[in-house]
Amino acid sequence: MGIRYLKKSATLQGRISAEEAEALQQWLKSQPRAAVNVGKCEHMHAAVLQVLLAMRPRVTGTPADPWLQAALAPQASS
């Protein structure tokens, strides 16, 4: 499914590939107060996770993958 960009938030849905990491990073740079919802994310490539950890947007939702939950736990909120 990919990433759905809205005015102040992005929603990660399904499986997010490495090819989407750069676009997400650029969008987050242009939207400094944006939120990223990971509640519908089934899997994300490590490059996307690195963007989230480096850019530190407000992360909402809880991904189904327990490992991904743990990786995003310090900044995730439901």
PDB file of N, CA and C in Angstrom:
ATOM      1  N   MET A   1       0.810  -1.186   0.000  1.00  0.00           N
ATOM      2  CA  MET A   1       0.000   0.000   0.000  1.00  0.00           C
ATOM      3  C   MET A   1       0.858   1.256   0.000  1.00  0.00           C
ATOM      4  N   GLY A   2       1.830   1.339   0.906  1.00  0.00           N
ATOM      5  CA  GLY A   2       2.744   2.462   0.908  1.00  0.00           C
ATOM      6  C   GLY A   2       2.442   3.528   1.938  1.00  0.00           C
ATOM      7  N   ILE A   3       2.828   4.734   1.600  1.00  0.00           N
ATOM      8  CA  ILE A   3       2.675   5.863   2.505  1.00  0.00           C
ATOM      9  C   ILE A   3       1.645   6.824   1.924  1.00  0.00           C
ATOM     10  N   ARG A   4       0.703   7.189   2.743  1.00  0.00           N
ATOM     11  CA  ARG A   4      -0.330   8.164   2.353  1.00  0.00           C
ATOM     12  C   ARG A   4      -0.006   9.471   3.067  1.00  0.00           C
ATOM     13  N   TYR A   5       0.272  10.503   2.285  1.00  0.00           N
ATOM     14  CA  TYR A   5       0.635  11.809   2.831  1.00  0.00           C
ATOM     15  C   TYR A   5      -0.582  12.716   2.871  1.00  0.00           C
ATOM     16  N   LEU A   6      -0.818  13.301   4.020  1.00  0.00           N
ATOM     17  CA  LEU A   6      -1.864  14.297   4.190  1.00  0.00           C
ATOM     18  C   LEU A   6      -1.187  15.620   4.551  1.00  0.00           C
ATOM     19  N   LYS A   7      -1.977  16.608   4.890  1.00  0.00           N
ATOM     20  CA  LYS A   7      -1.417  17.924   5.178  1.00  0.00           C
ATOM     21  C   LYS A   7      -0.464  17.913   6.379  1.00  0.00           C
ATOM     22  N   LYS A   8      -0.881  17.296   7.478  1.00  0.00           N
ATOM     23  CA  LYS A   8      -0.075  17.304   8.710  1.00  0.00           C
ATOM     24  C   LYS A   8       0.290  15.916   9.215  1.00  0.00           C
ATOM     25  N   SER A   9      -0.002  14.887   8.429  1.00  0.00           N
ATOM     26  CA  SER A   9       0.335  13.531   8.876  1.00  0.00           C
ATOM     27  C   SER A   9       0.594  12.620   7.686  1.00  0.00           C
ATOM     28  N   ALA A  10       1.287  11.551   7.974  1.00  0.00           N
ATOM     29  CA  ALA A  10       1.531  10.507   6.987  1.00  0.00           C
ATOM     30  C   ALA A  10       1.106   9.189   7.626  1.00  0.00           C
ATOM     31  N   THR A  11       0.505   8.324   6.831  1.00  0.00           N
ATOM     32  CA  THR A  11       0.078   7.020   7.326  1.00  0.00           C
ATOM     33  C   THR A  11       0.835   5.945   6.565  1.00  0.00           C
ATOM     34  N   LEU A  12       1.518   5.081   7.312  1.00  0.00           N
ATOM     35  CA  LEU A  12       2.230   3.970   6.713  1.00  0.00           C
ATOM     36  C   LEU A  12       1.298   2.769   6.722  1.00  0.00           C
ATOM     37  N   GLN A  13       1.025   2.226   5.533  1.00  0.00           N
ATOM     38  CA  GLN A  13       0.076   1.126   5.400  1.00  0.00           C
ATOM     39  C   GLN A  13       0.730  -0.047   4.688  1.00  0.00           C
ATOM     40  N   GLY A  14       0.530  -1.232   5.235  1.00  0.00           N
ATOM     41  CA  GLY A  14       1.062  -2.434   4.589  1.00  0.00           C
ATOM     42  C   GLY A  14       2.564  -2.550   4.751  1.00  0.00           C
ATOM     43  N   ARG A  15       3.219  -2.887   3.641  1.00  0.00           N
ATOM     44  CA  ARG A  15       4.665  -3.071   3.637  1.00  0.00           C
ATOM     45  C   ARG A  15       5.323  -1.834   3.020  1.00  0.00           C
ATOM     46  N   ILE A  16       6.248  -1.236   3.762  1.00  0.00           N
ATOM     47  CA  ILE A  16       6.906  -0.018   3.317  1.00  0.00           C
ATOM     48  C   ILE A  16       8.332  -0.369   2.888  1.00  0.00           C
ATOM     49  N   SER A  17       8.641  -0.111   1.631  1.00  0.00           N
ATOM     50  CA  SER A  17       9.932  -0.515   1.059  1.00  0.00           C
ATOM     51  C   SER A  17      11.003   0.562   1.261  1.00  0.00           C
ATOM     52  N   ALA A  18      12.229   0.169   0.990  1.00  0.00           N
ATOM     53  CA  ALA A  18      13.366   1.082   1.117  1.00  0.00           C
ATOM     54  C   ALA A  18      13.233   2.262   0.166  1.00  0.00           C
ATOM     55  N   GLU A  19      12.606   2.052  -0.987  1.00  0.00           N
ATOM     56  CA  GLU A  19      12.455   3.107  -1.975  1.00  0.00           C
ATOM     57  C   GLU A  19      11.629   4.285  -1.441  1.00  0.00           C
ATOM     58  N   GLU A  20      10.836   4.060  -0.409  1.00  0.00           N
ATOM     59  CA  GLU A  20       9.984   5.109   0.133  1.00  0.00           C
ATOM     60  C   GLU A  20      10.659   5.939   1.229  1.00  0.00           C
ATOM     61  N   ALA A  21      11.842   5.525   1.666  1.00  0.00           N
ATOM     62  CA  ALA A  21      12.529   6.203   2.765  1.00  0.00           C
ATOM     63  C   ALA A  21      12.907   7.640   2.423  1.00  0.00           C
ATOM     64  N   GLU A  22      13.454   7.864   1.240  1.00  0.00           N
ATOM     65  CA  GLU A  22      13.899   9.213   0.893  1.00  0.00           C
ATOM     66  C   GLU A  22      12.724  10.185   0.776  1.00  0.00           C
ATOM     67  N   ALA A  23      11.634   9.728   0.176  1.00  0.00           N
ATOM     68  CA  ALA A  23      10.458  10.593   0.052  1.00  0.00           C
ATOM     69  C   ALA A  23       9.900  10.942   1.429  1.00  0.00           C
ATOM     70  N   LEU A  24       9.879   9.959   2.341  1.00  0.00           N
ATOM     71  CA  LEU A  24       9.405  10.211   3.699  1.00  0.00           C
ATOM     72  C   LEU A  24      10.310  11.224   4.394  1.00  0.00           C
ATOM     73  N   GLN A  25      11.604  11.069   4.240  1.00  0.00           N
ATOM     74  CA  GLN A  25      12.542  12.004   4.863  1.00  0.00           C
ATOM     75  C   GLN A  25      12.327  13.423   4.336  1.00  0.00           C
ATOM     76  N   GLN A  26      12.193  13.581   3.042  1.00  0.00           N
ATOM     77  CA  GLN A  26      11.976  14.903   2.458  1.00  0.00           C
ATOM     78  C   GLN A  26      10.663  15.513   2.944  1.00  0.00           C
ATOM     79  N   TRP A  27       9.620  14.689   3.018  1.00  0.00           N
ATOM     80  CA  TRP A  27       8.327  15.181   3.492  1.00  0.00           C
ATOM     81  C   TRP A  27       8.430  15.629   4.943  1.00  0.00           C
ATOM     82  N   LEU A  28       9.107  14.831   5.778  1.00  0.00           N
ATOM     83  CA  LEU A  28       9.261  15.202   7.190  1.00  0.00           C
ATOM     84  C   LEU A  28      10.068  16.485   7.346  1.00  0.00           C
ATOM     85  N   LYS A  29      11.048  16.710   6.493  1.00  0.00           N
ATOM     86  CA  LYS A  29      11.813  17.956   6.541  1.00  0.00           C
ATOM     87  C   LYS A  29      10.917  19.155   6.233  1.00  0.00           C
ATOM     88  N   SER A  30       9.964  18.968   5.326  1.00  0.00           N
ATOM     89  CA  SER A  30       9.082  20.070   4.947  1.00  0.00           C
ATOM     90  C   SER A  30       7.899  20.227   5.902  1.00  0.00           C
ATOM     91  N   GLN A  31       7.672  19.242   6.763  1.00  0.00           N
ATOM     92  CA  GLN A  31       6.565  19.254   7.727  1.00  0.00           C
ATOM     93  C   GLN A  31       7.120  18.981   9.125  1.00  0.00           C
ATOM     94  N   PRO A  32       7.790  19.936   9.749  1.00  0.00           N
ATOM     95  CA  PRO A  32       8.480  19.676  11.015  1.00  0.00           C
ATOM     96  C   PRO A  32       7.581  19.240  12.178  1.00  0.00           C
ATOM     97  N   ARG A  33       6.308  19.552  12.141  1.00  0.00           N
ATOM     98  CA  ARG A  33       5.420  19.160  13.245  1.00  0.00           C
ATOM     99  C   ARG A  33       4.493  18.012  12.861  1.00  0.00           C
ATOM    100  N   ALA A  34       4.790  17.353  11.798  1.00  0.00           N
ATOM    101  CA  ALA A  34       3.925  16.288  11.292  1.00  0.00           C
ATOM    102  C   ALA A  34       3.954  15.050  12.186  1.00  0.00           C
ATOM    103  N   ALA A  35       2.881  14.279  12.093  1.00  0.00           N
ATOM    104  CA  ALA A  35       2.785  12.999  12.792  1.00  0.00           C
ATOM    105  C   ALA A  35       2.856  11.881  11.760  1.00  0.00           C
ATOM    106  N   VAL A  36       3.337  10.737  12.201  1.00  0.00           N
ATOM    107  CA  VAL A  36       3.389   9.559  11.344  1.00  0.00           C
ATOM    108  C   VAL A  36       2.630   8.444  12.055  1.00  0.00           C
ATOM    109  N   ASN A  37       1.589   7.952  11.397  1.00  0.00           N
ATOM    110  CA  ASN A  37       0.778   6.881  11.965  1.00  0.00           C
ATOM    111  C   ASN A  37       1.299   5.547  11.436  1.00  0.00           C
ATOM    112  N   VAL A  38       1.679   4.664  12.353  1.00  0.00           N
ATOM    113  CA  VAL A  38       2.214   3.351  11.975  1.00  0.00           C
ATOM    114  C   VAL A  38       1.253   2.213  12.334  1.00  0.00           C
ATOM    115  N   GLY A  39       0.029   2.557  12.700  1.00  0.00           N
ATOM    116  CA  GLY A  39      -0.947   1.560  13.137  1.00  0.00           C
ATOM    117  C   GLY A  39      -1.323   0.532  12.093  1.00  0.00           C
ATOM    118  N   LYS A  40      -1.232   0.882  10.814  1.00  0.00           N
ATOM    119  CA  LYS A  40      -1.596  -0.041   9.742  1.00  0.00           C
ATOM    120  C   LYS A  40      -0.370  -0.599   9.020  1.00  0.00           C
ATOM    121  N   CYS A  41       0.802  -0.353   9.591  1.00  0.00           N
ATOM    122  CA  CYS A  41       2.049  -0.814   8.985  1.00  0.00           C
ATOM    123  C   CYS A  41       2.302  -2.278   9.359  1.00  0.00           C
ATOM    124  N   GLU A  42       2.458  -3.118   8.363  1.00  0.00           N
ATOM    125  CA  GLU A  42       2.741  -4.534   8.590  1.00  0.00           C
ATOM    126  C   GLU A  42       4.244  -4.790   8.665  1.00  0.00           C
ATOM    127  N   HIS A  43       4.994  -4.047   7.854  1.00  0.00           N
ATOM    128  CA  HIS A  43       6.448  -4.203   7.813  1.00  0.00           C
ATOM    129  C   HIS A  43       7.048  -2.941   7.219  1.00  0.00           C
ATOM    130  N   MET A  44       8.165  -2.502   7.750  1.00  0.00           N
ATOM    131  CA  MET A  44       8.877  -1.386   7.127  1.00  0.00           C
ATOM    132  C   MET A  44      10.340  -1.753   6.990  1.00  0.00           C
ATOM    133  N   HIS A  45      10.920  -1.361   5.880  1.00  0.00           N
ATOM    134  CA  HIS A  45      12.337  -1.596   5.631  1.00  0.00           C
ATOM    135  C   HIS A  45      13.140  -0.818   6.675  1.00  0.00           C
ATOM    136  N   ALA A  46      14.309  -1.309   7.000  1.00  0.00           N
ATOM    137  CA  ALA A  46      15.164  -0.663   7.997  1.00  0.00           C
ATOM    138  C   ALA A  46      15.484   0.787   7.628  1.00  0.00           C
ATOM    139  N   ALA A  47      15.551   1.099   6.343  1.00  0.00           N
ATOM    140  CA  ALA A  47      15.829   2.472   5.923  1.00  0.00           C
ATOM    141  C   ALA A  47      14.707   3.415   6.362  1.00  0.00           C
ATOM    142  N   VAL A  48      13.479   2.954   6.299  1.00  0.00           N
ATOM    143  CA  VAL A  48      12.331   3.764   6.729  1.00  0.00           C
ATOM    144  C   VAL A  48      12.368   3.938   8.242  1.00  0.00           C
ATOM    145  N   LEU A  49      12.674   2.868   8.943  1.00  0.00           N
ATOM    146  CA  LEU A  49      12.798   2.945  10.402  1.00  0.00           C
ATOM    147  C   LEU A  49      13.894   3.934  10.786  1.00  0.00           C
ATOM    148  N   GLN A  50      15.001   3.916  10.080  1.00  0.00           N
ATOM    149  CA  GLN A  50      16.086   4.851  10.364  1.00  0.00           C
ATOM    150  C   GLN A  50      15.646   6.300  10.161  1.00  0.00           C
ATOM    151  N   VAL A  51      14.847   6.545   9.143  1.00  0.00           N
ATOM    152  CA  VAL A  51      14.325   7.901   8.923  1.00  0.00           C
ATOM    153  C   VAL A  51      13.482   8.323  10.118  1.00  0.00           C
ATOM    154  N   LEU A  52      12.604   7.435  10.582  1.00  0.00           N
ATOM    155  CA  LEU A  52      11.754   7.770  11.720  1.00  0.00           C
ATOM    156  C   LEU A  52      12.579   8.028  12.981  1.00  0.00           C
ATOM    157  N   LEU A  53      13.573   7.200  13.196  1.00  0.00           N
ATOM    158  CA  LEU A  53      14.395   7.370  14.399  1.00  0.00           C
ATOM    159  C   LEU A  53      15.274   8.625  14.314  1.00  0.00           C
ATOM    160  N   ALA A  54      15.729   8.960  13.127  1.00  0.00           N
ATOM    161  CA  ALA A  54      16.582  10.139  12.963  1.00  0.00           C
ATOM    162  C   ALA A  54      15.780  11.441  12.985  1.00  0.00           C
ATOM    163  N   MET A  55      14.633  11.446  12.320  1.00  0.00           N
ATOM    164  CA  MET A  55      13.836  12.670  12.210  1.00  0.00           C
ATOM    165  C   MET A  55      12.951  12.903  13.429  1.00  0.00           C
ATOM    166  N   ARG A  56      12.643  11.858  14.151  1.00  0.00           N
ATOM    167  CA  ARG A  56      11.865  11.904  15.392  1.00  0.00           C
ATOM    168  C   ARG A  56      10.525  12.623  15.271  1.00  0.00           C
ATOM    169  N   PRO A  57       9.713  12.244  14.278  1.00  0.00           N
ATOM    170  CA  PRO A  57       8.371  12.840  14.226  1.00  0.00           C
ATOM    171  C   PRO A  57       7.513  12.262  15.346  1.00  0.00           C
ATOM    172  N   ARG A  58       6.369  12.862  15.582  1.00  0.00           N
ATOM    173  CA  ARG A  58       5.423  12.291  16.542  1.00  0.00           C
ATOM    174  C   ARG A  58       4.846  11.038  15.880  1.00  0.00           C
ATOM    175  N   VAL A  59       5.063   9.892  16.517  1.00  0.00           N
ATOM    176  CA  VAL A  59       4.609   8.607  15.977  1.00  0.00           C
ATOM    177  C   VAL A  59       3.343   8.202  16.707  1.00  0.00           C
ATOM    178  N   THR A  60       2.305   7.886  15.949  1.00  0.00           N
ATOM    179  CA  THR A  60       1.039   7.449  16.532  1.00  0.00           C
ATOM    180  C   THR A  60       0.708   6.055  16.038  1.00  0.00           C
ATOM    181  N   GLY A  61      -0.192   5.399  16.752  1.00  0.00           N
ATOM    182  CA  GLY A  61      -0.598   4.048  16.383  1.00  0.00           C
ATOM    183  C   GLY A  61       0.398   3.015  16.876  1.00  0.00           C
ATOM    184  N   THR A  62      -0.008   1.781  16.814  1.00  0.00           N
ATOM    185  CA  THR A  62       0.841   0.671  17.234  1.00  0.00           C
ATOM    186  C   THR A  62       0.893  -0.356  16.117  1.00  0.00           C
ATOM    187  N   PRO A  63       2.078  -0.615  15.566  1.00  0.00           N
ATOM    188  CA  PRO A  63       2.174  -1.606  14.496  1.00  0.00           C
ATOM    189  C   PRO A  63       1.928  -3.016  15.026  1.00  0.00           C
ATOM    190  N   ALA A  64       1.471  -3.906  14.176  1.00  0.00           N
ATOM    191  CA  ALA A  64       1.181  -5.282  14.575  1.00  0.00           C
ATOM    192  C   ALA A  64       2.453  -6.074  14.898  1.00  0.00           C
ATOM    193  N   ASP A  65       3.552  -5.753  14.256  1.00  0.00           N
ATOM    194  CA  ASP A  65       4.813  -6.469  14.443  1.00  0.00           C
ATOM    195  C   ASP A  65       5.413  -6.134  15.805  1.00  0.00           C
ATOM    196  N   PRO A  66       5.596  -7.151  16.676  1.00  0.00           N
ATOM    197  CA  PRO A  66       6.136  -6.897  18.018  1.00  0.00           C
ATOM    198  C   PRO A  66       7.542  -6.264  17.993  1.00  0.00           C
ATOM    199  N   TRP A  67       8.377  -6.674  17.052  1.00  0.00           N
ATOM    200  CA  TRP A  67       9.721  -6.109  16.983  1.00  0.00           C
ATOM    201  C   TRP A  67       9.643  -4.628  16.630  1.00  0.00           C
ATOM    202  N   LEU A  68       8.783  -4.306  15.684  1.00  0.00           N
ATOM    203  CA  LEU A  68       8.620  -2.910  15.281  1.00  0.00           C
ATOM    204  C   LEU A  68       8.028  -2.083  16.419  1.00  0.00           C
ATOM    205  N   GLN A  69       7.122  -2.672  17.180  1.00  0.00           N
ATOM    206  CA  GLN A  69       6.573  -1.987  18.363  1.00  0.00           C
ATOM    207  C   GLN A  69       7.695  -1.612  19.314  1.00  0.00           C
ATOM    208  N   ALA A  70       8.583  -2.579  19.563  1.00  0.00           N
ATOM    209  CA  ALA A  70       9.688  -2.339  20.496  1.00  0.00           C
ATOM    210  C   ALA A  70      10.654  -1.285  19.943  1.00  0.00           C
ATOM    211  N   ALA A  71      10.911  -1.323  18.642  1.00  0.00           N
ATOM    212  CA  ALA A  71      11.831  -0.368  18.043  1.00  0.00           C
ATOM    213  C   ALA A  71      11.302   1.054  18.119  1.00  0.00           C
ATOM    214  N   LEU A  72       9.983   1.216  18.005  1.00  0.00           N
ATOM    215  CA  LEU A  72       9.382   2.543  18.029  1.00  0.00           C
ATOM    216  C   LEU A  72       8.852   2.939  19.406  1.00  0.00           C
ATOM    217  N   ALA A  73       8.920   2.035  20.368  1.00  0.00           N
ATOM    218  CA  ALA A  73       8.339   2.259  21.695  1.00  0.00           C
ATOM    219  C   ALA A  73       8.750   3.577  22.357  1.00  0.00           C
ATOM    220  N   PRO A  74      10.010   3.974  22.307  1.00  0.00           N
ATOM    221  CA  PRO A  74      10.372   5.217  22.994  1.00  0.00           C
ATOM    222  C   PRO A  74       9.634   6.443  22.476  1.00  0.00           C
ATOM    223  N   GLN A  75       9.150   6.401  21.233  1.00  0.00           N
ATOM    224  CA  GLN A  75       8.476   7.581  20.698  1.00  0.00           C
ATOM    225  C   GLN A  75       7.059   7.314  20.254  1.00  0.00           C
ATOM    226  N   ALA A  76       6.560   6.083  20.398  1.00  0.00           N
ATOM    227  CA  ALA A  76       5.196   5.766  19.943  1.00  0.00           C
ATOM    228  C   ALA A  76       4.169   6.125  20.996  1.00  0.00           C
ATOM    229  N   SER A  77       2.988   6.511  20.520  1.00  0.00           N
ATOM    230  CA  SER A  77       1.835   6.729  21.402  1.00  0.00           C
ATOM    231  C   SER A  77       0.598   6.286  20.669  1.00  0.00           C
ATOM    232  N   SER A  78      -0.359   5.734  21.380  1.00  0.00           N
ATOM    233  CA  SER A  78      -1.567   5.220  20.727  1.00  0.00           C
ATOM    234  C   SER A  78      -2.568   6.305  20.472  1.00  0.00           C
TER     235      SER A  78
END
